[in-house]
Full PDB file with SEQRES, HELIX, SHEET, SSBOND, CRYST1, ORIGX, SCALE, CONECT and MASTER records, all heavy atoms in Angstrom:
SEQRES   1 A   40  ILE ILE ALA ILE CYS ASP ALA TYR ASP ALA MET ASN SER          
SEQRES   2 A   40  HIS ARG SER TYR ALA LYS PRO MET THR HIS GLU SER SER          
SEQRES   3 A   40  ILE HIS GLU LEU ILE VAL ASN LYS GLY THR GLN PHE ASP          
SEQRES   4 A   40  PRO                                                          
HELIX    1 AA1 ILE A    2  ASN A   12  1                                  11    
HELIX    2 AA2 HIS A   23  VAL A   32  1                                  10    
CRYST1    1.000    1.000    1.000  90.00  90.00  90.00 P 1           1          
ORIGX1      1.000000  0.000000  0.000000        0.00000                         
ORIGX2      0.000000  1.000000  0.000000        0.00000                         
ORIGX3      0.000000  0.000000  1.000000        0.00000                         
SCALE1      1.000000  0.000000  0.000000        0.00000                         
SCALE2      0.000000  1.000000  0.000000        0.00000                         
SCALE3      0.000000  0.000000  1.000000        0.00000                         
ATOM      1  N   ILE A   1      -7.043  60.513 -27.005  1.00  0.00           N  
ATOM      2  CA  ILE A   1      -8.429  60.284 -27.458  1.00  0.00           C  
ATOM      3  C   ILE A   1      -9.409  61.099 -26.560  1.00  0.00           C  
ATOM      4  O   ILE A   1     -10.303  61.816 -27.079  1.00  0.00           O  
ATOM      5  CB  ILE A   1      -8.802  58.795 -27.408  1.00  0.00           C  
ATOM      6  CG1 ILE A   1      -7.999  58.077 -28.485  1.00  0.00           C  
ATOM      7  CG2 ILE A   1     -10.312  58.566 -27.593  1.00  0.00           C  
ATOM      8  CD1 ILE A   1      -8.042  56.548 -28.395  1.00  0.00           C  
ATOM      9  N   ILE A   2      -9.207  61.054 -25.281  1.00  0.00           N  
ATOM     10  CA  ILE A   2     -10.059  61.746 -24.318  1.00  0.00           C  
ATOM     11  C   ILE A   2     -10.038  63.230 -24.599  1.00  0.00           C  
ATOM     12  O   ILE A   2     -11.056  63.924 -24.492  1.00  0.00           O  
ATOM     13  CB  ILE A   2      -9.788  61.373 -22.854  1.00  0.00           C  
ATOM     14  CG1 ILE A   2     -10.216  59.940 -22.623  1.00  0.00           C  
ATOM     15  CG2 ILE A   2     -10.462  62.318 -21.930  1.00  0.00           C  
ATOM     16  CD1 ILE A   2      -9.715  59.424 -21.279  1.00  0.00           C  
ATOM     17  N   ALA A   3      -8.813  63.747 -24.858  1.00  0.00           N  
ATOM     18  CA  ALA A   3      -8.713  65.234 -25.127  1.00  0.00           C  
ATOM     19  C   ALA A   3      -9.579  65.680 -26.272  1.00  0.00           C  
ATOM     20  O   ALA A   3     -10.225  66.722 -26.162  1.00  0.00           O  
ATOM     21  CB  ALA A   3      -7.226  65.568 -25.365  1.00  0.00           C  
ATOM     22  N   ILE A   4      -9.613  64.884 -27.309  1.00  0.00           N  
ATOM     23  CA  ILE A   4     -10.416  65.201 -28.498  1.00  0.00           C  
ATOM     24  C   ILE A   4     -11.923  65.123 -28.167  1.00  0.00           C  
ATOM     25  O   ILE A   4     -12.677  66.025 -28.478  1.00  0.00           O  
ATOM     26  CB  ILE A   4     -10.079  64.308 -29.719  1.00  0.00           C  
ATOM     27  CG1 ILE A   4      -8.647  64.624 -30.159  1.00  0.00           C  
ATOM     28  CG2 ILE A   4     -11.090  64.530 -30.853  1.00  0.00           C  
ATOM     29  CD1 ILE A   4      -8.070  63.588 -31.173  1.00  0.00           C  
ATOM     30  N   CYS A   5     -12.316  64.002 -27.551  1.00  0.00           N  
ATOM     31  CA  CYS A   5     -13.713  63.808 -27.211  1.00  0.00           C  
ATOM     32  C   CYS A   5     -14.226  64.884 -26.248  1.00  0.00           C  
ATOM     33  O   CYS A   5     -15.331  65.437 -26.354  1.00  0.00           O  
ATOM     34  CB  CYS A   5     -13.922  62.438 -26.606  1.00  0.00           C  
ATOM     35  SG  CYS A   5     -13.575  61.088 -27.768  1.00  0.00           S  
ATOM     36  N   ASP A   6     -13.391  65.202 -25.223  1.00  0.00           N  
ATOM     37  CA  ASP A   6     -13.747  66.194 -24.212  1.00  0.00           C  
ATOM     38  C   ASP A   6     -13.877  67.546 -24.875  1.00  0.00           C  
ATOM     39  O   ASP A   6     -14.834  68.316 -24.558  1.00  0.00           O  
ATOM     40  CB  ASP A   6     -12.673  66.227 -23.142  1.00  0.00           C  
ATOM     41  CG  ASP A   6     -13.040  67.137 -22.014  1.00  0.00           C  
ATOM     42  OD1 ASP A   6     -14.197  67.090 -21.522  1.00  0.00           O  
ATOM     43  OD2 ASP A   6     -12.199  67.877 -21.507  1.00  0.00           O  
ATOM     44  N   ALA A   7     -12.974  67.910 -25.761  1.00  0.00           N  
ATOM     45  CA  ALA A   7     -13.024  69.241 -26.390  1.00  0.00           C  
ATOM     46  C   ALA A   7     -14.278  69.358 -27.306  1.00  0.00           C  
ATOM     47  O   ALA A   7     -14.981  70.333 -27.255  1.00  0.00           O  
ATOM     48  CB  ALA A   7     -11.770  69.454 -27.228  1.00  0.00           C  
ATOM     49  N   TYR A   8     -14.519  68.267 -28.042  1.00  0.00           N  
ATOM     50  CA  TYR A   8     -15.736  68.257 -28.900  1.00  0.00           C  
ATOM     51  C   TYR A   8     -17.030  68.387 -28.018  1.00  0.00           C  
ATOM     52  O   TYR A   8     -17.906  69.206 -28.392  1.00  0.00           O  
ATOM     53  CB  TYR A   8     -15.776  66.990 -29.751  1.00  0.00           C  
ATOM     54  CG  TYR A   8     -16.966  66.894 -30.649  1.00  0.00           C  
ATOM     55  CD1 TYR A   8     -16.982  67.555 -31.867  1.00  0.00           C  
ATOM     56  CD2 TYR A   8     -18.109  66.163 -30.284  1.00  0.00           C  
ATOM     57  CE1 TYR A   8     -18.113  67.495 -32.724  1.00  0.00           C  
ATOM     58  CE2 TYR A   8     -19.244  66.110 -31.082  1.00  0.00           C  
ATOM     59  CZ  TYR A   8     -19.221  66.766 -32.335  1.00  0.00           C  
ATOM     60  OH  TYR A   8     -20.301  66.726 -33.145  1.00  0.00           O  
ATOM     61  N   ASP A   9     -17.090  67.644 -26.982  1.00  0.00           N  
ATOM     62  CA  ASP A   9     -18.225  67.755 -26.094  1.00  0.00           C  
ATOM     63  C   ASP A   9     -18.375  69.127 -25.520  1.00  0.00           C  
ATOM     64  O   ASP A   9     -19.468  69.643 -25.434  1.00  0.00           O  
ATOM     65  CB  ASP A   9     -18.103  66.675 -24.986  1.00  0.00           C  
ATOM     66  CG  ASP A   9     -19.313  66.758 -24.041  1.00  0.00           C  
ATOM     67  OD1 ASP A   9     -20.452  66.541 -24.488  1.00  0.00           O  
ATOM     68  OD2 ASP A   9     -19.019  66.999 -22.778  1.00  0.00           O  
ATOM     69  N   ALA A  10     -17.272  69.683 -25.060  1.00  0.00           N  
ATOM     70  CA  ALA A  10     -17.376  71.063 -24.506  1.00  0.00           C  
ATOM     71  C   ALA A  10     -17.807  72.085 -25.526  1.00  0.00           C  
ATOM     72  O   ALA A  10     -18.628  72.992 -25.199  1.00  0.00           O  
ATOM     73  CB  ALA A  10     -15.962  71.486 -23.938  1.00  0.00           C  
ATOM     74  N   MET A  11     -17.364  71.952 -26.743  1.00  0.00           N  
ATOM     75  CA  MET A  11     -17.754  72.879 -27.812  1.00  0.00           C  
ATOM     76  C   MET A  11     -19.214  72.734 -28.145  1.00  0.00           C  
ATOM     77  O   MET A  11     -19.839  73.714 -28.552  1.00  0.00           O  
ATOM     78  CB  MET A  11     -16.915  72.701 -29.033  1.00  0.00           C  
ATOM     79  CG  MET A  11     -15.430  73.156 -28.903  1.00  0.00           C  
ATOM     80  SD  MET A  11     -14.521  73.044 -30.415  1.00  0.00           S  
ATOM     81  CE  MET A  11     -13.885  71.387 -30.346  1.00  0.00           C  
ATOM     82  N   ASN A  12     -19.780  71.581 -27.959  1.00  0.00           N  
ATOM     83  CA  ASN A  12     -21.193  71.322 -28.366  1.00  0.00           C  
ATOM     84  C   ASN A  12     -22.129  71.369 -27.212  1.00  0.00           C  
ATOM     85  O   ASN A  12     -23.304  71.041 -27.401  1.00  0.00           O  
ATOM     86  CB  ASN A  12     -21.260  69.907 -29.059  1.00  0.00           C  
ATOM     87  CG  ASN A  12     -20.790  69.973 -30.453  1.00  0.00           C  
ATOM     88  OD1 ASN A  12     -21.567  70.276 -31.333  1.00  0.00           O  
ATOM     89  ND2 ASN A  12     -19.526  69.729 -30.667  1.00  0.00           N  
ATOM     90  N   SER A  13     -21.674  71.703 -26.022  1.00  0.00           N  
ATOM     91  CA  SER A  13     -22.546  71.759 -24.860  1.00  0.00           C  
ATOM     92  C   SER A  13     -22.732  73.216 -24.378  1.00  0.00           C  
ATOM     93  O   SER A  13     -21.858  74.069 -24.568  1.00  0.00           O  
ATOM     94  CB  SER A  13     -21.847  70.990 -23.706  1.00  0.00           C  
ATOM     95  OG  SER A  13     -21.709  69.644 -24.036  1.00  0.00           O  
ATOM     96  N   HIS A  14     -23.918  73.435 -23.782  1.00  0.00           N  
ATOM     97  CA  HIS A  14     -24.126  74.780 -23.242  1.00  0.00           C  
ATOM     98  C   HIS A  14     -23.300  74.950 -21.996  1.00  0.00           C  
ATOM     99  O   HIS A  14     -23.268  74.071 -21.177  1.00  0.00           O  
ATOM    100  CB  HIS A  14     -25.632  74.912 -22.884  1.00  0.00           C  
ATOM    101  CG  HIS A  14     -25.922  76.252 -22.301  1.00  0.00           C  
ATOM    102  ND1 HIS A  14     -25.988  77.390 -23.080  1.00  0.00           N  
ATOM    103  CD2 HIS A  14     -26.170  76.648 -21.032  1.00  0.00           C  
ATOM    104  CE1 HIS A  14     -26.219  78.414 -22.310  1.00  0.00           C  
ATOM    105  NE2 HIS A  14     -26.340  78.023 -21.031  1.00  0.00           N  
ATOM    106  N   ARG A  15     -22.627  76.027 -21.949  1.00  0.00           N  
ATOM    107  CA  ARG A  15     -21.787  76.433 -20.788  1.00  0.00           C  
ATOM    108  C   ARG A  15     -22.251  77.732 -20.233  1.00  0.00           C  
ATOM    109  O   ARG A  15     -22.836  78.584 -21.008  1.00  0.00           O  
ATOM    110  CB  ARG A  15     -20.331  76.542 -21.181  1.00  0.00           C  
ATOM    111  CG  ARG A  15     -19.721  75.294 -21.835  1.00  0.00           C  
ATOM    112  CD  ARG A  15     -19.611  74.168 -20.858  1.00  0.00           C  
ATOM    113  NE  ARG A  15     -19.182  72.937 -21.534  1.00  0.00           N  
ATOM    114  CZ  ARG A  15     -18.531  71.984 -20.979  1.00  0.00           C  
ATOM    115  NH1 ARG A  15     -18.209  72.048 -19.696  1.00  0.00           N  
ATOM    116  NH2 ARG A  15     -18.241  70.952 -21.639  1.00  0.00           N  
ATOM    117  N   SER A  16     -22.030  78.053 -19.022  1.00  0.00           N  
ATOM    118  CA  SER A  16     -22.474  79.325 -18.430  1.00  0.00           C  
ATOM    119  C   SER A  16     -21.773  80.455 -19.098  1.00  0.00           C  
ATOM    120  O   SER A  16     -22.325  81.579 -19.146  1.00  0.00           O  
ATOM    121  CB  SER A  16     -22.173  79.330 -16.885  1.00  0.00           C  
ATOM    122  OG  SER A  16     -20.803  79.193 -16.653  1.00  0.00           O  
ATOM    123  N   TYR A  17     -20.647  80.231 -19.735  1.00  0.00           N  
ATOM    124  CA  TYR A  17     -19.866  81.307 -20.383  1.00  0.00           C  
ATOM    125  C   TYR A  17     -19.973  81.256 -21.906  1.00  0.00           C  
ATOM    126  O   TYR A  17     -19.393  82.153 -22.547  1.00  0.00           O  
ATOM    127  CB  TYR A  17     -18.394  81.193 -19.934  1.00  0.00           C  
ATOM    128  CG  TYR A  17     -17.800  79.838 -20.178  1.00  0.00           C  
ATOM    129  CD1 TYR A  17     -17.242  79.467 -21.367  1.00  0.00           C  
ATOM    130  CD2 TYR A  17     -17.816  78.902 -19.149  1.00  0.00           C  
ATOM    131  CE1 TYR A  17     -16.699  78.245 -21.608  1.00  0.00           C  
ATOM    132  CE2 TYR A  17     -17.254  77.634 -19.332  1.00  0.00           C  
ATOM    133  CZ  TYR A  17     -16.723  77.287 -20.595  1.00  0.00           C  
ATOM    134  OH  TYR A  17     -16.164  76.064 -20.770  1.00  0.00           O  
ATOM    135  N   ALA A  18     -20.633  80.289 -22.469  1.00  0.00           N  
ATOM    136  CA  ALA A  18     -20.673  80.212 -23.962  1.00  0.00           C  
ATOM    137  C   ALA A  18     -21.795  79.353 -24.424  1.00  0.00           C  
ATOM    138  O   ALA A  18     -22.187  78.374 -23.764  1.00  0.00           O  
ATOM    139  CB  ALA A  18     -19.376  79.627 -24.468  1.00  0.00           C  
ATOM    140  N   LYS A  19     -22.377  79.732 -25.560  1.00  0.00           N  
ATOM    141  CA  LYS A  19     -23.380  78.894 -26.196  1.00  0.00           C  
ATOM    142  C   LYS A  19     -22.747  77.753 -26.948  1.00  0.00           C  
ATOM    143  O   LYS A  19     -21.540  77.843 -27.283  1.00  0.00           O  
ATOM    144  CB  LYS A  19     -24.192  79.747 -27.167  1.00  0.00           C  
ATOM    145  CG  LYS A  19     -25.055  80.862 -26.550  1.00  0.00           C  
ATOM    146  CD  LYS A  19     -25.813  81.651 -27.585  1.00  0.00           C  
ATOM    147  CE  LYS A  19     -26.650  82.676 -26.880  1.00  0.00           C  
ATOM    148  NZ  LYS A  19     -27.427  83.455 -27.835  1.00  0.00           N  
ATOM    149  N   PRO A  20     -23.500  76.675 -27.229  1.00  0.00           N  
ATOM    150  CA  PRO A  20     -22.866  75.587 -27.956  1.00  0.00           C  
ATOM    151  C   PRO A  20     -22.500  75.994 -29.367  1.00  0.00           C  
ATOM    152  O   PRO A  20     -23.195  76.802 -29.967  1.00  0.00           O  
ATOM    153  CB  PRO A  20     -24.013  74.525 -27.987  1.00  0.00           C  
ATOM    154  CG  PRO A  20     -25.016  74.969 -27.005  1.00  0.00           C  
ATOM    155  CD  PRO A  20     -24.849  76.421 -26.792  1.00  0.00           C  
ATOM    156  N   MET A  21     -21.438  75.459 -29.848  1.00  0.00           N  
ATOM    157  CA  MET A  21     -21.059  75.655 -31.200  1.00  0.00           C  
ATOM    158  C   MET A  21     -21.830  74.656 -32.118  1.00  0.00           C  
ATOM    159  O   MET A  21     -22.282  73.627 -31.608  1.00  0.00           O  
ATOM    160  CB  MET A  21     -19.564  75.399 -31.402  1.00  0.00           C  
ATOM    161  CG  MET A  21     -18.649  76.433 -30.662  1.00  0.00           C  
ATOM    162  SD  MET A  21     -16.946  75.959 -30.713  1.00  0.00           S  
ATOM    163  CE  MET A  21     -16.524  76.415 -32.426  1.00  0.00           C  
ATOM    164  N   THR A  22     -21.883  74.914 -33.362  1.00  0.00           N  
ATOM    165  CA  THR A  22     -22.487  73.959 -34.268  1.00  0.00           C  
ATOM    166  C   THR A  22     -21.519  72.774 -34.497  1.00  0.00           C  
ATOM    167  O   THR A  22     -20.325  72.828 -34.218  1.00  0.00           O  
ATOM    168  CB  THR A  22     -22.793  74.614 -35.656  1.00  0.00           C  
ATOM    169  OG1 THR A  22     -21.524  74.898 -36.297  1.00  0.00           O  
ATOM    170  CG2 THR A  22     -23.618  75.833 -35.552  1.00  0.00           C  
ATOM    171  N   HIS A  23     -22.086  71.706 -34.983  1.00  0.00           N  
ATOM    172  CA  HIS A  23     -21.310  70.492 -35.263  1.00  0.00           C  
ATOM    173  C   HIS A  23     -20.127  70.858 -36.234  1.00  0.00           C  
ATOM    174  O   HIS A  23     -19.024  70.485 -35.934  1.00  0.00           O  
ATOM    175  CB  HIS A  23     -22.291  69.492 -35.913  1.00  0.00           C  
ATOM    176  CG  HIS A  23     -21.618  68.246 -36.429  1.00  0.00           C  
ATOM    177  ND1 HIS A  23     -21.055  67.296 -35.627  1.00  0.00           N  
ATOM    178  CD2 HIS A  23     -21.414  67.798 -37.710  1.00  0.00           C  
ATOM    179  CE1 HIS A  23     -20.589  66.350 -36.326  1.00  0.00           C  
ATOM    180  NE2 HIS A  23     -20.752  66.635 -37.594  1.00  0.00           N  
ATOM    181  N   GLU A  24     -20.439  71.553 -37.308  1.00  0.00           N  
ATOM    182  CA  GLU A  24     -19.390  71.900 -38.287  1.00  0.00           C  
ATOM    183  C   GLU A  24     -18.371  72.866 -37.722  1.00  0.00           C  
ATOM    184  O   GLU A  24     -17.192  72.781 -38.002  1.00  0.00           O  
ATOM    185  CB  GLU A  24     -20.001  72.442 -39.582  1.00  0.00           C  
ATOM    186  CG  GLU A  24     -20.641  71.323 -40.392  1.00  0.00           C  
ATOM    187  CD  GLU A  24     -19.787  70.204 -40.768  1.00  0.00           C  
ATOM    188  OE1 GLU A  24     -18.566  70.424 -41.175  1.00  0.00           O  
ATOM    189  OE2 GLU A  24     -20.221  69.023 -40.738  1.00  0.00           O  
ATOM    190  N   SER A  25     -18.819  73.814 -36.867  1.00  0.00           N  
ATOM    191  CA  SER A  25     -17.853  74.708 -36.245  1.00  0.00           C  
ATOM    192  C   SER A  25     -16.898  74.030 -35.318  1.00  0.00           C  
ATOM    193  O   SER A  25     -15.710  74.305 -35.257  1.00  0.00           O  
ATOM    194  CB  SER A  25     -18.580  75.845 -35.489  1.00  0.00           C  
ATOM    195  OG  SER A  25     -19.272  76.703 -36.399  1.00  0.00           O  
ATOM    196  N   SER A  26     -17.454  73.021 -34.632  1.00  0.00           N  
ATOM    197  CA  SER A  26     -16.624  72.187 -33.728  1.00  0.00           C  
ATOM    198  C   SER A  26     -15.612  71.435 -34.551  1.00  0.00           C  
ATOM    199  O   SER A  26     -14.450  71.315 -34.128  1.00  0.00           O  
ATOM    200  CB  SER A  26     -17.490  71.278 -32.918  1.00  0.00           C  
ATOM    201  OG  SER A  26     -18.409  71.995 -32.112  1.00  0.00           O  
ATOM    202  N   ILE A  27     -16.039  70.821 -35.619  1.00  0.00           N  
ATOM    203  CA  ILE A  27     -15.115  70.055 -36.466  1.00  0.00           C  
ATOM    204  C   ILE A  27     -13.997  70.999 -36.964  1.00  0.00           C  
ATOM    205  O   ILE A  27     -12.829  70.695 -36.975  1.00  0.00           O  
ATOM    206  CB  ILE A  27     -15.887  69.425 -37.656  1.00  0.00           C  
ATOM    207  CG1 ILE A  27     -16.657  68.268 -37.108  1.00  0.00           C  
ATOM    208  CG2 ILE A  27     -14.885  68.966 -38.739  1.00  0.00           C  
ATOM    209  CD1 ILE A  27     -17.585  67.616 -38.143  1.00  0.00           C  
ATOM    210  N   HIS A  28     -14.386  72.245 -37.392  1.00  0.00           N  
ATOM    211  CA  HIS A  28     -13.417  73.227 -37.876  1.00  0.00           C  
ATOM    212  C   HIS A  28     -12.362  73.491 -36.754  1.00  0.00           C  
ATOM    213  O   HIS A  28     -11.174  73.567 -37.059  1.00  0.00           O  
ATOM    214  CB  HIS A  28     -14.135  74.495 -38.315  1.00  0.00           C  
ATOM    215  CG  HIS A  28     -13.186  75.563 -38.685  1.00  0.00           C  
ATOM    216  ND1 HIS A  28     -12.482  75.540 -39.873  1.00  0.00           N  
ATOM    217  CD2 HIS A  28     -12.754  76.689 -38.029  1.00  0.00           C  
ATOM    218  CE1 HIS A  28     -11.711  76.605 -39.926  1.00  0.00           C  
ATOM    219  NE2 HIS A  28     -11.844  77.307 -38.778  1.00  0.00           N  
ATOM    220  N   GLU A  29     -12.821  73.709 -35.507  1.00  0.00           N  
ATOM    221  CA  GLU A  29     -11.872  73.945 -34.413  1.00  0.00           C  
ATOM    222  C   GLU A  29     -10.895  72.802 -34.168  1.00  0.00           C  
ATOM    223  O   GLU A  29      -9.711  72.975 -33.878  1.00  0.00           O  
ATOM    224  CB  GLU A  29     -12.605  74.276 -33.110  1.00  0.00           C  
ATOM    225  CG  GLU A  29     -13.220  75.621 -33.135  1.00  0.00           C  
ATOM    226  CD  GLU A  29     -12.184  76.714 -33.173  1.00  0.00           C  
ATOM    227  OE1 GLU A  29     -11.190  76.700 -32.454  1.00  0.00           O  
ATOM    228  OE2 GLU A  29     -12.348  77.650 -34.057  1.00  0.00           O  
ATOM    229  N   LEU A  30     -11.449  71.558 -34.300  1.00  0.00           N  
ATOM    230  CA  LEU A  30     -10.553  70.390 -34.144  1.00  0.00           C  
ATOM    231  C   LEU A  30      -9.484  70.394 -35.272  1.00  0.00           C  
ATOM    232  O   LEU A  30      -8.331  70.152 -35.024  1.00  0.00           O  
ATOM    233  CB  LEU A  30     -11.333  69.101 -34.208  1.00  0.00           C  
ATOM    234  CG  LEU A  30     -12.267  68.818 -33.046  1.00  0.00           C  
ATOM    235  CD1 LEU A  30     -13.100  67.563 -33.295  1.00  0.00           C  
ATOM    236  CD2 LEU A  30     -11.485  68.720 -31.759  1.00  0.00           C  
ATOM    237  N   ILE A  31      -9.929  70.707 -36.471  1.00  0.00           N  
ATOM    238  CA  ILE A  31      -8.979  70.739 -37.603  1.00  0.00           C  
ATOM    239  C   ILE A  31      -7.895  71.858 -37.411  1.00  0.00           C  
ATOM    240  O   ILE A  31      -6.746  71.627 -37.624  1.00  0.00           O  
ATOM    241  CB  ILE A  31      -9.760  70.942 -38.950  1.00  0.00           C  
ATOM    242  CG1 ILE A  31     -10.542  69.672 -39.289  1.00  0.00           C  
ATOM    243  CG2 ILE A  31      -8.752  71.239 -40.068  1.00  0.00           C  
ATOM    244  CD1 ILE A  31     -11.552  69.875 -40.372  1.00  0.00           C  
ATOM    245  N   VAL A  32      -8.391  73.013 -37.026  1.00  0.00           N  
ATOM    246  CA  VAL A  32      -7.463  74.133 -36.809  1.00  0.00           C  
ATOM    247  C   VAL A  32      -6.385  73.792 -35.767  1.00  0.00           C  
ATOM    248  O   VAL A  32      -5.253  74.211 -35.831  1.00  0.00           O  
ATOM    249  CB  VAL A  32      -8.195  75.398 -36.392  1.00  0.00           C  
ATOM    250  CG1 VAL A  32      -7.338  76.461 -35.803  1.00  0.00           C  
ATOM    251  CG2 VAL A  32      -9.037  75.929 -37.554  1.00  0.00           C  
ATOM    252  N   ASN A  33      -6.810  73.004 -34.741  1.00  0.00           N  
ATOM    253  CA  ASN A  33      -5.877  72.678 -33.649  1.00  0.00           C  
ATOM    254  C   ASN A  33      -5.227  71.298 -33.714  1.00  0.00           C  
ATOM    255  O   ASN A  33      -4.560  70.906 -32.770  1.00  0.00           O  
ATOM    256  CB  ASN A  33      -6.676  72.777 -32.304  1.00  0.00           C  
ATOM    257  CG  ASN A  33      -6.964  74.225 -32.016  1.00  0.00           C  
ATOM    258  OD1 ASN A  33      -6.072  75.003 -31.685  1.00  0.00           O  
ATOM    259  ND2 ASN A  33      -8.223  74.584 -32.167  1.00  0.00           N  
ATOM    260  N   LYS A  34      -5.359  70.594 -34.900  1.00  0.00           N  
ATOM    261  CA  LYS A  34      -4.658  69.383 -35.008  1.00  0.00           C  
ATOM    262  C   LYS A  34      -3.168  69.603 -35.225  1.00  0.00           C  
ATOM    263  O   LYS A  34      -2.789  70.534 -35.954  1.00  0.00           O  
ATOM    264  CB  LYS A  34      -5.308  68.436 -36.012  1.00  0.00           C  
ATOM    265  CG  LYS A  34      -5.156  68.840 -37.462  1.00  0.00           C  
ATOM    266  CD  LYS A  34      -5.946  67.796 -38.345  1.00  0.00           C  
ATOM    267  CE  LYS A  34      -5.370  67.773 -39.719  1.00  0.00           C  
ATOM    268  NZ  LYS A  34      -6.061  66.770 -40.519  1.00  0.00           N  
ATOM    269  N   GLY A  35      -2.381  68.842 -34.538  1.00  0.00           N  
ATOM    270  CA  GLY A  35      -0.944  69.020 -34.613  1.00  0.00           C  
ATOM    271  C   GLY A  35      -0.415  69.930 -33.546  1.00  0.00           C  
ATOM    272  O   GLY A  35       0.811  69.915 -33.236  1.00  0.00           O  
ATOM    273  N   THR A  36      -1.224  70.757 -32.954  1.00  0.00           N  
ATOM    274  CA  THR A  36      -0.795  71.610 -31.839  1.00  0.00           C  
ATOM    275  C   THR A  36      -1.476  71.110 -30.585  1.00  0.00           C  
ATOM    276  O   THR A  36      -0.786  70.574 -29.748  1.00  0.00           O  
ATOM    277  CB  THR A  36      -1.194  73.091 -32.108  1.00  0.00           C  
ATOM    278  OG1 THR A  36      -2.569  73.212 -32.389  1.00  0.00           O  
ATOM    279  CG2 THR A  36      -0.369  73.702 -33.244  1.00  0.00           C  
ATOM    280  N   GLN A  37      -2.809  71.253 -30.461  1.00  0.00           N  
ATOM    281  CA  GLN A  37      -3.483  70.764 -29.293  1.00  0.00           C  
ATOM    282  C   GLN A  37      -3.744  69.279 -29.368  1.00  0.00           C  
ATOM    283  O   GLN A  37      -3.628  68.545 -28.339  1.00  0.00           O  
ATOM    284  CB  GLN A  37      -4.762  71.505 -29.080  1.00  0.00           C  
ATOM    285  CG  GLN A  37      -5.517  71.161 -27.787  1.00  0.00           C  
ATOM    286  CD  GLN A  37      -6.690  72.047 -27.544  1.00  0.00           C  
ATOM    287  OE1 GLN A  37      -6.940  72.972 -28.257  1.00  0.00           O  
ATOM    288  NE2 GLN A  37      -7.456  71.721 -26.479  1.00  0.00           N  
ATOM    289  N   PHE A  38      -4.093  68.778 -30.529  1.00  0.00           N  
ATOM    290  CA  PHE A  38      -4.534  67.416 -30.728  1.00  0.00           C  
ATOM    291  C   PHE A  38      -3.674  66.609 -31.690  1.00  0.00           C  
ATOM    292  O   PHE A  38      -3.084  67.169 -32.605  1.00  0.00           O  
ATOM    293  CB  PHE A  38      -5.979  67.412 -31.246  1.00  0.00           C  
ATOM    294  CG  PHE A  38      -6.982  68.209 -30.457  1.00  0.00           C  
ATOM    295  CD1 PHE A  38      -7.573  69.365 -30.999  1.00  0.00           C  
ATOM    296  CD2 PHE A  38      -7.296  67.890 -29.125  1.00  0.00           C  
ATOM    297  CE1 PHE A  38      -8.470  70.140 -30.331  1.00  0.00           C  
ATOM    298  CE2 PHE A  38      -8.186  68.621 -28.426  1.00  0.00           C  
ATOM    299  CZ  PHE A  38      -8.773  69.754 -29.003  1.00  0.00           C  
ATOM    300  N   ASP A  39      -3.695  65.303 -31.444  1.00  0.00           N  
ATOM    301  CA  ASP A  39      -2.998  64.369 -32.321  1.00  0.00           C  
ATOM    302  C   ASP A  39      -3.678  64.432 -33.682  1.00  0.00           C  
ATOM    303  O   ASP A  39      -4.895  64.167 -33.827  1.00  0.00           O  
ATOM    304  CB  ASP A  39      -3.100  62.959 -31.780  1.00  0.00           C  
ATOM    305  CG  ASP A  39      -2.478  61.881 -32.577  1.00  0.00           C  
ATOM    306  OD1 ASP A  39      -2.564  61.917 -33.863  1.00  0.00           O  
ATOM    307  OD2 ASP A  39      -1.880  60.971 -31.977  1.00  0.00           O  
ATOM    308  N   PRO A  40      -2.922  64.838 -34.759  1.00  0.00           N  
ATOM    309  CA  PRO A  40      -3.566  65.053 -36.103  1.00  0.00           C  
ATOM    310  C   PRO A  40      -4.225  63.737 -36.676  1.00  0.00           C  
ATOM    311  O   PRO A  40      -5.265  63.834 -37.263  1.00  0.00           O  
ATOM    312  CB  PRO A  40      -2.424  65.543 -36.946  1.00  0.00           C  
ATOM    313  CG  PRO A  40      -1.178  65.190 -36.234  1.00  0.00           C  
ATOM    314  CD  PRO A  40      -1.518  65.110 -34.808  1.00  0.00           C  
TER     315      PRO A  40                                                      
MASTER        0    0    0    2    0    0    0    6  314    1    0    4          
END                                                                             
């Protein structure tokens, strides 16, 4: 659970190396990585 929440937060937060992703882009990344990085 924490892995998913942490990844979503990181994607939606300003980082020194990246701008925040949109809500829908973040959801898309979670979907693309379900079953590999994340529990589907």
